[in-house]
Amino acid sequence: MPIPANVTAYLTKHKVKHDIVPHRTVFTVYDLAQTLKVKLNTIVKTLLIKSDQGYHLAVLPAQKRLDIAALKKALGFKKVSIANEKDMQTKFKVKPGAMTPFGAMHKVGVVIDRSLVKTEKMLFGAGSFTESVRMKMKDYLRLEDPTVANISTKK
């Protein structure tokens, strides 16, 4: 399954330089790292978050885990949970595990872990299990203008 046309159109429309990285079918960031023979800290994972204020995307380094308490505090939420697969499929028309980090496309806010801000280039999931997108982090930050906060913890 290639990257959906709406994702590539979104990046092209906003003049974001990016590379499409083909790979064998993978469903996890760990499999992606092993397949491409890259370190986990060069991959971003995106989690769909459900809160008392709606949905948001949490973007963090693949080797870290989401700190729900820190996310609640950073965004002022009362309740936070990771959205279920049904929400991804019905509300966002995305297959579980194929969420993109492009909140503007999904009309939701984005919060990114502070540790990613100074990273040069990262691999992002882009709605496909056989292709990913590599782009400069500064371009992603310019495109999405996310909230930056410490939202992760080491595994």
N, C-alpha and C. Protein backbone atom coordinates (compact mmCIF):
# COMPACT_ATOMS: atom_id res chain seq x y z
N MET A 1 0.85 -1.18 0.00
CA MET A 1 0.00 0.00 0.00
C MET A 1 0.90 1.24 0.00
N PRO A 2 0.89 1.99 -1.08
CA PRO A 2 1.71 3.21 -1.15
C PRO A 2 1.15 4.32 -0.25
N ILE A 3 1.95 5.35 -0.09
CA ILE A 3 1.50 6.51 0.69
C ILE A 3 0.26 7.08 0.01
N PRO A 4 -0.80 7.35 0.77
CA PRO A 4 -2.03 7.89 0.18
C PRO A 4 -1.77 9.20 -0.57
N ALA A 5 -2.50 9.38 -1.66
CA ALA A 5 -2.33 10.57 -2.52
C ALA A 5 -2.56 11.86 -1.73
N ASN A 6 -3.48 11.85 -0.76
CA ASN A 6 -3.75 13.08 -0.02
C ASN A 6 -2.55 13.51 0.83
N VAL A 7 -1.73 12.55 1.28
CA VAL A 7 -0.54 12.89 2.06
C VAL A 7 0.52 13.53 1.16
N THR A 8 0.79 12.92 0.02
CA THR A 8 1.80 13.49 -0.88
C THR A 8 1.31 14.84 -1.43
N ALA A 9 0.02 14.95 -1.69
CA ALA A 9 -0.53 16.23 -2.17
C ALA A 9 -0.38 17.31 -1.09
N TYR A 10 -0.61 16.95 0.16
CA TYR A 10 -0.47 17.89 1.28
C TYR A 10 0.96 18.41 1.37
N LEU A 11 1.93 17.51 1.29
CA LEU A 11 3.34 17.90 1.38
C LEU A 11 3.75 18.74 0.17
N THR A 12 3.29 18.36 -1.00
CA THR A 12 3.61 19.10 -2.23
C THR A 12 2.99 20.49 -2.19
N LYS A 13 1.74 20.56 -1.78
CA LYS A 13 1.03 21.85 -1.71
C LYS A 13 1.77 22.84 -0.81
N HIS A 14 2.32 22.33 0.29
CA HIS A 14 3.01 23.20 1.25
C HIS A 14 4.51 23.29 0.99
N LYS A 15 4.93 22.78 -0.17
CA LYS A 15 6.32 22.88 -0.63
C LYS A 15 7.31 22.33 0.41
N VAL A 16 6.98 21.16 0.95
CA VAL A 16 7.84 20.51 1.92
C VAL A 16 8.70 19.48 1.19
N LYS A 17 10.01 19.68 1.27
CA LYS A 17 10.92 18.71 0.66
C LYS A 17 10.89 17.44 1.50
N HIS A 18 10.74 16.32 0.80
CA HIS A 18 10.67 15.05 1.50
C HIS A 18 11.11 13.92 0.55
N ASP A 19 11.52 12.85 1.12
CA ASP A 19 11.86 11.65 0.36
C ASP A 19 10.90 10.55 0.75
N ILE A 20 10.46 9.80 -0.24
CA ILE A 20 9.64 8.62 0.02
C ILE A 20 10.62 7.45 0.15
N VAL A 21 10.51 6.72 1.25
CA VAL A 21 11.41 5.61 1.52
C VAL A 21 10.62 4.30 1.45
N PRO A 22 10.81 3.55 0.36
CA PRO A 22 10.12 2.26 0.25
C PRO A 22 10.78 1.21 1.15
N HIS A 23 9.98 0.26 1.64
CA HIS A 23 10.49 -0.82 2.47
C HIS A 23 9.50 -1.97 2.44
N ARG A 24 9.92 -3.09 2.99
CA ARG A 24 8.99 -4.22 3.05
C ARG A 24 7.85 -3.86 4.00
N THR A 25 6.79 -4.59 3.97
CA THR A 25 5.63 -4.31 4.82
C THR A 25 6.01 -4.42 6.29
N VAL A 26 5.75 -3.34 7.02
CA VAL A 26 6.01 -3.31 8.46
C VAL A 26 4.82 -2.69 9.18
N PHE A 27 4.62 -3.13 10.42
CA PHE A 27 3.50 -2.62 11.20
C PHE A 27 3.92 -1.90 12.48
N THR A 28 5.22 -1.95 12.78
CA THR A 28 5.71 -1.29 14.00
C THR A 28 6.97 -0.49 13.68
N VAL A 29 7.28 0.46 14.54
CA VAL A 29 8.51 1.24 14.36
C VAL A 29 9.74 0.35 14.55
N TYR A 30 9.62 -0.66 15.37
CA TYR A 30 10.75 -1.58 15.57
C TYR A 30 11.05 -2.35 14.29
N ASP A 31 9.98 -2.84 13.64
CA ASP A 31 10.17 -3.54 12.37
C ASP A 31 10.76 -2.61 11.31
N LEU A 32 10.30 -1.36 11.30
CA LEU A 32 10.83 -0.39 10.34
C LEU A 32 12.32 -0.17 10.56
N ALA A 33 12.72 -0.01 11.80
CA ALA A 33 14.13 0.20 12.11
C ALA A 33 14.98 -1.00 11.66
N GLN A 34 14.51 -2.20 11.92
CA GLN A 34 15.26 -3.39 11.53
C GLN A 34 15.29 -3.54 10.01
N THR A 35 14.18 -3.28 9.35
CA THR A 35 14.10 -3.42 7.89
C THR A 35 15.05 -2.45 7.19
N LEU A 36 15.06 -1.20 7.64
CA LEU A 36 15.90 -0.19 7.00
C LEU A 36 17.30 -0.12 7.60
N LYS A 37 17.53 -0.91 8.65
CA LYS A 37 18.83 -0.90 9.33
C LYS A 37 19.21 0.50 9.81
N VAL A 38 18.24 1.13 10.49
CA VAL A 38 18.46 2.45 11.07
C VAL A 38 18.17 2.37 12.57
N LYS A 39 18.65 3.36 13.31
CA LYS A 39 18.41 3.40 14.75
C LYS A 39 16.99 3.89 15.01
N LEU A 40 16.41 3.39 16.11
CA LEU A 40 15.07 3.82 16.49
C LEU A 40 14.97 5.32 16.68
N ASN A 41 16.06 5.95 17.15
CA ASN A 41 16.00 7.39 17.41
C ASN A 41 15.99 8.24 16.14
N THR A 42 15.92 7.60 14.97
CA THR A 42 15.77 8.34 13.70
C THR A 42 14.35 8.22 13.16
N ILE A 43 13.48 7.60 13.96
CA ILE A 43 12.09 7.35 13.55
C ILE A 43 11.15 8.03 14.53
N VAL A 44 10.10 8.61 13.99
CA VAL A 44 9.06 9.25 14.80
C VAL A 44 7.83 8.34 14.82
N LYS A 45 7.20 8.24 15.98
CA LYS A 45 5.92 7.54 16.01
C LYS A 45 4.82 8.53 16.35
N THR A 46 3.65 8.27 15.83
CA THR A 46 2.51 9.16 16.02
C THR A 46 1.39 8.38 16.71
N LEU A 47 0.88 8.95 17.79
CA LEU A 47 -0.22 8.34 18.52
C LEU A 47 -1.43 9.26 18.47
N LEU A 48 -2.59 8.68 18.21
CA LEU A 48 -3.83 9.44 18.24
C LEU A 48 -4.33 9.43 19.69
N ILE A 49 -4.51 10.63 20.22
CA ILE A 49 -4.89 10.81 21.62
C ILE A 49 -6.32 11.34 21.70
N LYS A 50 -7.08 10.78 22.61
CA LYS A 50 -8.44 11.24 22.86
C LYS A 50 -8.45 11.90 24.23
N SER A 51 -8.97 13.12 24.28
CA SER A 51 -9.01 13.83 25.57
C SER A 51 -10.39 14.43 25.78
N ASP A 52 -10.55 15.07 26.92
CA ASP A 52 -11.81 15.76 27.20
C ASP A 52 -11.99 16.97 26.28
N GLN A 53 -10.93 17.34 25.53
CA GLN A 53 -11.02 18.47 24.60
C GLN A 53 -10.94 18.00 23.14
N GLY A 54 -11.17 16.73 22.90
CA GLY A 54 -11.17 16.21 21.53
C GLY A 54 -9.93 15.37 21.24
N TYR A 55 -9.63 15.25 19.96
CA TYR A 55 -8.50 14.43 19.51
C TYR A 55 -7.27 15.30 19.26
N HIS A 56 -6.11 14.70 19.47
CA HIS A 56 -4.82 15.33 19.19
C HIS A 56 -3.87 14.24 18.72
N LEU A 57 -2.81 14.66 18.06
CA LEU A 57 -1.74 13.75 17.71
C LEU A 57 -0.56 14.00 18.63
N ALA A 58 0.00 12.94 19.17
CA ALA A 58 1.21 13.03 19.97
C ALA A 58 2.33 12.44 19.12
N VAL A 59 3.38 13.23 18.90
CA VAL A 59 4.50 12.82 18.06
C VAL A 59 5.73 12.72 18.95
N LEU A 60 6.35 11.54 18.97
CA LEU A 60 7.49 11.34 19.84
C LEU A 60 8.50 10.37 19.23
N PRO A 61 9.71 10.35 19.76
CA PRO A 61 10.72 9.44 19.23
C PRO A 61 10.28 7.99 19.41
N ALA A 62 10.60 7.17 18.43
CA ALA A 62 10.15 5.77 18.45
C ALA A 62 10.62 5.00 19.66
N GLN A 63 11.78 5.35 20.21
CA GLN A 63 12.34 4.58 21.31
C GLN A 63 11.79 5.00 22.67
N LYS A 64 10.88 5.96 22.69
CA LYS A 64 10.32 6.43 23.95
C LYS A 64 8.84 6.07 24.05
N ARG A 65 8.30 6.22 25.24
CA ARG A 65 6.87 5.97 25.42
C ARG A 65 6.18 7.26 25.88
N LEU A 66 4.91 7.35 25.57
CA LEU A 66 4.14 8.53 25.92
C LEU A 66 3.95 8.60 27.44
N ASP A 67 4.19 9.78 28.00
CA ASP A 67 3.95 10.05 29.42
C ASP A 67 2.61 10.78 29.49
N ILE A 68 1.56 10.02 29.78
CA ILE A 68 0.19 10.57 29.76
C ILE A 68 0.04 11.70 30.78
N ALA A 69 0.62 11.57 31.95
CA ALA A 69 0.52 12.62 32.97
C ALA A 69 1.17 13.91 32.48
N ALA A 70 2.31 13.80 31.83
CA ALA A 70 2.99 14.99 31.30
C ALA A 70 2.18 15.62 30.18
N LEU A 71 1.56 14.80 29.35
CA LEU A 71 0.71 15.32 28.26
C LEU A 71 -0.49 16.07 28.84
N LYS A 72 -1.14 15.49 29.83
CA LYS A 72 -2.28 16.15 30.48
C LYS A 72 -1.87 17.51 31.03
N LYS A 73 -0.74 17.53 31.70
CA LYS A 73 -0.26 18.77 32.31
C LYS A 73 0.10 19.81 31.24
N ALA A 74 0.82 19.38 30.21
CA ALA A 74 1.27 20.30 29.16
C ALA A 74 0.12 20.95 28.41
N LEU A 75 -0.94 20.20 28.18
CA LEU A 75 -2.06 20.72 27.39
C LEU A 75 -3.27 21.12 28.23
N GLY A 76 -3.20 20.90 29.53
CA GLY A 76 -4.31 21.29 30.40
C GLY A 76 -5.53 20.39 30.27
N PHE A 77 -5.32 19.13 29.93
CA PHE A 77 -6.43 18.19 29.79
C PHE A 77 -6.77 17.58 31.15
N LYS A 78 -8.03 17.22 31.30
CA LYS A 78 -8.44 16.52 32.51
C LYS A 78 -8.36 15.01 32.31
N LYS A 79 -8.77 14.56 31.12
CA LYS A 79 -8.75 13.14 30.80
C LYS A 79 -7.97 12.93 29.51
N VAL A 80 -7.14 11.90 29.47
CA VAL A 80 -6.38 11.57 28.26
C VAL A 80 -6.27 10.05 28.15
N SER A 81 -6.47 9.56 26.94
CA SER A 81 -6.21 8.15 26.67
C SER A 81 -5.76 8.02 25.22
N ILE A 82 -5.15 6.90 24.92
CA ILE A 82 -4.79 6.64 23.53
C ILE A 82 -6.06 6.18 22.85
N ALA A 83 -6.39 6.79 21.73
CA ALA A 83 -7.63 6.46 21.01
C ALA A 83 -7.59 5.01 20.55
N ASN A 84 -8.76 4.43 20.41
CA ASN A 84 -8.81 3.04 19.99
C ASN A 84 -8.81 2.92 18.46
N GLU A 85 -8.62 1.71 18.00
CA GLU A 85 -8.53 1.46 16.56
C GLU A 85 -9.82 1.86 15.83
N LYS A 86 -10.95 1.68 16.47
CA LYS A 86 -12.23 2.03 15.85
C LYS A 86 -12.28 3.53 15.55
N ASP A 87 -11.77 4.37 16.48
CA ASP A 87 -11.73 5.81 16.26
C ASP A 87 -10.88 6.14 15.03
N MET A 88 -9.73 5.47 14.91
CA MET A 88 -8.87 5.71 13.74
C MET A 88 -9.60 5.38 12.45
N GLN A 89 -10.30 4.26 12.45
CA GLN A 89 -10.97 3.81 11.24
C GLN A 89 -12.21 4.64 10.90
N THR A 90 -13.04 4.92 11.88
CA THR A 90 -14.30 5.60 11.60
C THR A 90 -14.19 7.12 11.51
N LYS A 91 -13.48 7.72 12.44
CA LYS A 91 -13.39 9.18 12.48
C LYS A 91 -12.30 9.75 11.58
N PHE A 92 -11.20 8.98 11.39
CA PHE A 92 -10.07 9.52 10.63
C PHE A 92 -9.79 8.76 9.34
N LYS A 93 -10.55 7.68 9.10
CA LYS A 93 -10.40 6.89 7.86
C LYS A 93 -8.95 6.43 7.67
N VAL A 94 -8.32 5.99 8.76
CA VAL A 94 -6.94 5.54 8.74
C VAL A 94 -6.89 4.13 9.32
N LYS A 95 -6.09 3.29 8.70
CA LYS A 95 -5.92 1.94 9.23
C LYS A 95 -5.10 2.02 10.51
N PRO A 96 -5.42 1.20 11.51
CA PRO A 96 -4.63 1.19 12.74
C PRO A 96 -3.15 0.96 12.42
N GLY A 97 -2.31 1.81 13.03
CA GLY A 97 -0.88 1.72 12.78
C GLY A 97 -0.40 2.56 11.62
N ALA A 98 -1.31 3.25 10.95
CA ALA A 98 -0.93 4.05 9.78
C ALA A 98 -1.27 5.53 9.96
N MET A 99 -1.36 5.99 11.20
CA MET A 99 -1.67 7.39 11.47
C MET A 99 -0.51 8.28 11.01
N THR A 100 -0.84 9.35 10.33
CA THR A 100 0.20 10.29 9.90
C THR A 100 0.41 11.34 10.99
N PRO A 101 1.54 12.02 11.00
CA PRO A 101 1.79 13.05 12.01
C PRO A 101 1.31 14.43 11.57
N PHE A 102 0.49 14.46 10.54
CA PHE A 102 0.07 15.74 9.96
C PHE A 102 -1.31 16.12 10.48
N GLY A 103 -1.32 16.78 11.63
CA GLY A 103 -2.56 17.15 12.29
C GLY A 103 -3.45 18.05 11.46
N ALA A 104 -2.87 18.97 10.71
CA ALA A 104 -3.68 19.88 9.90
C ALA A 104 -4.50 19.09 8.88
N MET A 105 -3.95 18.02 8.36
CA MET A 105 -4.70 17.16 7.42
C MET A 105 -5.92 16.55 8.09
N HIS A 106 -5.76 16.19 9.36
CA HIS A 106 -6.83 15.52 10.10
C HIS A 106 -7.68 16.51 10.91
N LYS A 107 -7.31 17.78 10.82
CA LYS A 107 -8.01 18.84 11.56
C LYS A 107 -7.97 18.61 13.07
N VAL A 108 -6.77 18.25 13.55
CA VAL A 108 -6.55 18.09 14.99
C VAL A 108 -5.23 18.75 15.36
N GLY A 109 -5.10 19.07 16.63
CA GLY A 109 -3.86 19.67 17.12
C GLY A 109 -2.75 18.63 17.24
N VAL A 110 -1.53 19.12 17.26
CA VAL A 110 -0.36 18.25 17.37
C VAL A 110 0.48 18.71 18.55
N VAL A 111 0.95 17.75 19.33
CA VAL A 111 1.93 18.04 20.38
C VAL A 111 3.13 17.13 20.10
N ILE A 112 4.30 17.74 20.10
CA ILE A 112 5.52 17.01 19.78
C ILE A 112 6.46 17.02 20.98
N ASP A 113 7.14 15.91 21.17
CA ASP A 113 8.08 15.83 22.28
C ASP A 113 9.25 16.77 22.04
N ARG A 114 9.62 17.51 23.07
CA ARG A 114 10.69 18.51 22.97
C ARG A 114 12.00 17.90 22.46
N SER A 115 12.26 16.65 22.75
CA SER A 115 13.52 16.02 22.34
C SER A 115 13.68 15.94 20.82
N LEU A 116 12.59 16.07 20.07
CA LEU A 116 12.66 15.99 18.61
C LEU A 116 13.02 17.32 17.94
N VAL A 117 12.84 18.41 18.63
CA VAL A 117 12.97 19.73 18.04
C VAL A 117 14.33 19.98 17.40
N LYS A 118 15.39 19.52 18.01
CA LYS A 118 16.73 19.79 17.48
C LYS A 118 17.25 18.68 16.56
N THR A 119 16.41 17.71 16.26
CA THR A 119 16.78 16.62 15.37
C THR A 119 16.84 17.16 13.94
N GLU A 120 17.78 16.65 13.16
CA GLU A 120 17.89 17.15 11.78
C GLU A 120 16.85 16.52 10.86
N LYS A 121 16.92 15.23 10.65
CA LYS A 121 15.98 14.53 9.76
C LYS A 121 15.39 13.34 10.49
N MET A 122 14.13 13.03 10.17
CA MET A 122 13.47 11.89 10.79
C MET A 122 12.64 11.14 9.75
N LEU A 123 12.35 9.90 10.06
CA LEU A 123 11.44 9.09 9.26
C LEU A 123 10.07 9.16 9.91
N PHE A 124 9.05 9.43 9.12
CA PHE A 124 7.69 9.54 9.61
C PHE A 124 6.82 8.49 8.94
N GLY A 125 5.89 7.92 9.68
CA GLY A 125 4.86 7.10 9.07
C GLY A 125 3.97 8.03 8.28
N ALA A 126 3.46 7.55 7.16
CA ALA A 126 2.67 8.46 6.31
C ALA A 126 1.45 7.77 5.71
N GLY A 127 0.82 6.92 6.50
CA GLY A 127 -0.39 6.28 6.03
C GLY A 127 -0.17 5.04 5.20
N SER A 128 1.03 4.48 5.24
CA SER A 128 1.37 3.30 4.45
C SER A 128 2.16 2.33 5.30
N PHE A 129 2.05 1.05 4.99
CA PHE A 129 2.85 0.04 5.67
C PHE A 129 4.06 -0.36 4.83
N THR A 130 4.18 0.21 3.62
CA THR A 130 5.29 -0.15 2.72
C THR A 130 6.13 1.05 2.29
N GLU A 131 5.77 2.24 2.74
CA GLU A 131 6.54 3.44 2.43
C GLU A 131 6.47 4.39 3.63
N SER A 132 7.56 5.09 3.86
CA SER A 132 7.61 6.12 4.89
C SER A 132 8.13 7.40 4.26
N VAL A 133 8.07 8.50 5.01
CA VAL A 133 8.55 9.79 4.52
C VAL A 133 9.73 10.22 5.38
N ARG A 134 10.81 10.66 4.74
CA ARG A 134 11.94 11.23 5.46
C ARG A 134 11.94 12.72 5.14
N MET A 135 12.00 13.53 6.18
CA MET A 135 12.03 14.97 5.98
C MET A 135 12.78 15.63 7.13
N LYS A 136 13.13 16.88 6.90
CA LYS A 136 13.82 17.65 7.94
C LYS A 136 12.81 18.01 9.02
N MET A 137 13.25 17.91 10.24
CA MET A 137 12.38 18.25 11.37
C MET A 137 11.97 19.71 11.33
N LYS A 138 12.89 20.59 10.93
CA LYS A 138 12.52 22.01 10.87
C LYS A 138 11.38 22.25 9.88
N ASP A 139 11.34 21.46 8.79
CA ASP A 139 10.25 21.59 7.82
C ASP A 139 8.93 21.08 8.42
N TYR A 140 9.02 19.99 9.18
CA TYR A 140 7.82 19.47 9.84
C TYR A 140 7.28 20.49 10.84
N LEU A 141 8.17 21.08 11.63
CA LEU A 141 7.75 22.05 12.63
C LEU A 141 7.12 23.28 11.98
N ARG A 142 7.70 23.71 10.86
CA ARG A 142 7.13 24.86 10.14
C ARG A 142 5.74 24.50 9.59
N LEU A 143 5.61 23.31 9.06
CA LEU A 143 4.35 22.86 8.46
C LEU A 143 3.24 22.73 9.50
N GLU A 144 3.54 22.11 10.62
CA GLU A 144 2.51 21.78 11.60
C GLU A 144 2.37 22.77 12.74
N ASP A 145 3.41 23.52 13.06
CA ASP A 145 3.40 24.46 14.18
C ASP A 145 2.81 23.80 15.44
N PRO A 146 3.42 22.70 15.86
CA PRO A 146 2.87 21.95 16.99
C PRO A 146 3.18 22.59 18.35
N THR A 147 2.44 22.16 19.34
CA THR A 147 2.79 22.48 20.72
C THR A 147 4.01 21.62 21.06
N VAL A 148 5.02 22.22 21.66
CA VAL A 148 6.23 21.50 22.03
C VAL A 148 6.24 21.33 23.55
N ALA A 149 6.39 20.08 24.01
CA ALA A 149 6.39 19.81 25.45
C ALA A 149 7.14 18.52 25.72
N ASN A 150 7.54 18.34 26.97
CA ASN A 150 8.15 17.07 27.38
C ASN A 150 7.04 16.07 27.65
N ILE A 151 6.77 15.19 26.67
CA ILE A 151 5.65 14.27 26.78
C ILE A 151 6.08 12.80 26.71
N SER A 152 7.38 12.55 26.81
CA SER A 152 7.81 11.15 26.70
C SER A 152 8.70 10.76 27.86
N THR A 153 8.83 9.45 27.99
CA THR A 153 9.71 8.87 28.99
C THR A 153 10.43 7.71 28.33
N LYS A 154 11.60 7.37 28.84
CA LYS A 154 12.33 6.24 28.28
C LYS A 154 11.59 4.95 28.60
N LYS A 155 11.72 3.99 27.68
CA LYS A 155 11.07 2.69 27.91
C LYS A 155 11.84 1.87 28.90
